Amino acid sequence: MEGVYHVVCHKCPFEGLYGSATHASVERTAHEQAYDHRVSSLEINRPEPSAEV
């Protein structure tokens, strides 16, 4: 599943799979700003999360 990004909120059921890093980042940022929740994003083929802040 190369190039697939999993975005998940740590405070509510918000979760999604996105086919582009840009789309995943936009959705993650929008959810964080709208709800003040902590959200993680992981490229599925990566063994560890990216260090992006």
N, C-alpha and C. Protein backbone atom coordinates (compact mmCIF):
# COMPACT_ATOMS: atom_id res chain seq x y z
N MET A 1 0.84 -1.20 0.00
CA MET A 1 0.00 0.00 0.00
C MET A 1 0.88 1.25 0.00
N GLU A 2 1.80 1.31 -0.87
CA GLU A 2 2.69 2.46 -0.94
C GLU A 2 1.93 3.71 -1.33
N GLY A 3 2.28 4.82 -0.66
CA GLY A 3 1.64 6.09 -0.98
C GLY A 3 0.25 6.24 -0.40
N VAL A 4 -0.09 5.46 0.61
CA VAL A 4 -1.38 5.59 1.29
C VAL A 4 -1.10 6.11 2.69
N TYR A 5 -1.87 7.11 3.10
CA TYR A 5 -1.65 7.78 4.38
C TYR A 5 -2.85 7.57 5.29
N HIS A 6 -2.57 7.10 6.50
CA HIS A 6 -3.61 6.85 7.49
C HIS A 6 -3.59 8.02 8.47
N VAL A 7 -4.73 8.68 8.63
CA VAL A 7 -4.88 9.80 9.54
C VAL A 7 -5.88 9.39 10.61
N VAL A 8 -5.51 9.59 11.88
CA VAL A 8 -6.39 9.17 12.97
C VAL A 8 -6.32 10.17 14.13
N CYS A 9 -7.50 10.49 14.67
CA CYS A 9 -7.61 11.39 15.81
C CYS A 9 -7.48 10.57 17.09
N HIS A 10 -6.87 11.17 18.10
CA HIS A 10 -6.68 10.49 19.38
C HIS A 10 -7.79 10.82 20.38
N LYS A 11 -8.75 11.65 19.98
CA LYS A 11 -9.81 12.05 20.90
C LYS A 11 -11.22 11.71 20.41
N CYS A 12 -11.38 11.38 19.14
CA CYS A 12 -12.71 11.08 18.60
C CYS A 12 -12.58 10.07 17.47
N PRO A 13 -13.67 9.62 16.88
CA PRO A 13 -13.64 8.59 15.84
C PRO A 13 -13.11 9.04 14.47
N PHE A 14 -12.69 10.30 14.30
CA PHE A 14 -12.19 10.76 13.01
C PHE A 14 -11.00 9.91 12.57
N GLU A 15 -11.11 9.37 11.33
CA GLU A 15 -10.05 8.52 10.78
C GLU A 15 -10.24 8.46 9.27
N GLY A 16 -9.14 8.33 8.53
CA GLY A 16 -9.27 8.22 7.09
C GLY A 16 -8.01 7.71 6.44
N LEU A 17 -8.17 7.17 5.23
CA LEU A 17 -7.06 6.75 4.38
C LEU A 17 -7.05 7.67 3.17
N TYR A 18 -5.88 8.20 2.83
CA TYR A 18 -5.77 9.16 1.74
C TYR A 18 -4.67 8.74 0.79
N GLY A 19 -4.87 8.95 -0.49
CA GLY A 19 -3.92 8.55 -1.51
C GLY A 19 -2.85 9.58 -1.81
N SER A 20 -2.89 10.71 -1.11
CA SER A 20 -1.85 11.72 -1.31
C SER A 20 -1.46 12.33 0.03
N ALA A 21 -0.17 12.63 0.17
CA ALA A 21 0.34 13.24 1.40
C ALA A 21 -0.30 14.61 1.60
N THR A 22 -0.51 15.34 0.52
CA THR A 22 -1.11 16.67 0.62
C THR A 22 -2.52 16.60 1.16
N HIS A 23 -3.33 15.71 0.63
CA HIS A 23 -4.72 15.57 1.09
C HIS A 23 -4.75 15.14 2.55
N ALA A 24 -3.90 14.19 2.93
CA ALA A 24 -3.84 13.73 4.32
C ALA A 24 -3.47 14.88 5.25
N SER A 25 -2.50 15.69 4.84
CA SER A 25 -2.05 16.82 5.66
C SER A 25 -3.15 17.87 5.81
N VAL A 26 -3.88 18.15 4.72
CA VAL A 26 -4.97 19.12 4.77
C VAL A 26 -6.06 18.64 5.72
N GLU A 27 -6.44 17.38 5.62
CA GLU A 27 -7.49 16.83 6.49
C GLU A 27 -7.05 16.82 7.95
N ARG A 28 -5.81 16.44 8.18
CA ARG A 28 -5.26 16.41 9.54
C ARG A 28 -5.28 17.80 10.17
N THR A 29 -4.76 18.78 9.44
CA THR A 29 -4.69 20.15 9.94
C THR A 29 -6.09 20.72 10.18
N ALA A 30 -6.99 20.48 9.25
CA ALA A 30 -8.36 20.98 9.39
C ALA A 30 -9.03 20.42 10.64
N HIS A 31 -8.85 19.14 10.90
CA HIS A 31 -9.48 18.53 12.07
C HIS A 31 -8.84 19.07 13.36
N GLU A 32 -7.52 19.19 13.37
CA GLU A 32 -6.83 19.72 14.55
C GLU A 32 -7.31 21.14 14.86
N GLN A 33 -7.43 21.97 13.84
CA GLN A 33 -7.84 23.36 14.04
C GLN A 33 -9.32 23.48 14.41
N ALA A 34 -10.17 22.68 13.81
CA ALA A 34 -11.60 22.76 14.06
C ALA A 34 -11.99 22.25 15.44
N TYR A 35 -11.30 21.21 15.92
CA TYR A 35 -11.71 20.56 17.16
C TYR A 35 -10.67 20.61 18.27
N ASP A 36 -9.49 21.15 17.99
CA ASP A 36 -8.40 21.20 18.97
C ASP A 36 -8.06 19.79 19.48
N HIS A 37 -8.05 18.81 18.55
CA HIS A 37 -7.70 17.43 18.87
C HIS A 37 -6.30 17.12 18.37
N ARG A 38 -5.67 16.15 18.99
CA ARG A 38 -4.37 15.65 18.53
C ARG A 38 -4.62 14.58 17.47
N VAL A 39 -3.99 14.73 16.31
CA VAL A 39 -4.20 13.82 15.18
C VAL A 39 -2.84 13.34 14.68
N SER A 40 -2.76 12.05 14.34
CA SER A 40 -1.53 11.47 13.80
C SER A 40 -1.73 11.08 12.34
N SER A 41 -0.63 11.09 11.62
CA SER A 41 -0.64 10.66 10.23
C SER A 41 0.55 9.75 9.99
N LEU A 42 0.31 8.65 9.29
CA LEU A 42 1.37 7.68 9.03
C LEU A 42 1.26 7.18 7.60
N GLU A 43 2.38 7.20 6.89
CA GLU A 43 2.41 6.59 5.57
C GLU A 43 2.44 5.09 5.81
N ILE A 44 1.51 4.36 5.22
CA ILE A 44 1.32 2.96 5.56
C ILE A 44 2.55 2.10 5.30
N ASN A 45 3.32 2.38 4.28
CA ASN A 45 4.48 1.53 4.00
C ASN A 45 5.69 1.90 4.86
N ARG A 46 5.57 2.93 5.70
CA ARG A 46 6.66 3.32 6.59
C ARG A 46 6.60 2.55 7.89
N PRO A 47 7.72 2.10 8.42
CA PRO A 47 7.69 1.37 9.69
C PRO A 47 7.50 2.26 10.90
N GLU A 48 7.84 3.55 10.80
CA GLU A 48 7.72 4.47 11.92
C GLU A 48 7.08 5.77 11.46
N PRO A 49 6.41 6.49 12.38
CA PRO A 49 5.81 7.77 12.02
C PRO A 49 6.86 8.77 11.57
N SER A 50 6.47 9.66 10.71
CA SER A 50 7.33 10.75 10.28
C SER A 50 7.51 11.73 11.44
N ALA A 51 8.60 12.46 11.46
CA ALA A 51 8.89 13.40 12.54
C ALA A 51 8.28 14.77 12.30
N GLU A 52 7.36 14.89 11.34
CA GLU A 52 6.73 16.18 11.05
C GLU A 52 5.96 16.68 12.26
N VAL A 53 6.01 17.99 12.46
CA VAL A 53 5.24 18.60 13.56
C VAL A 53 4.19 19.49 12.98
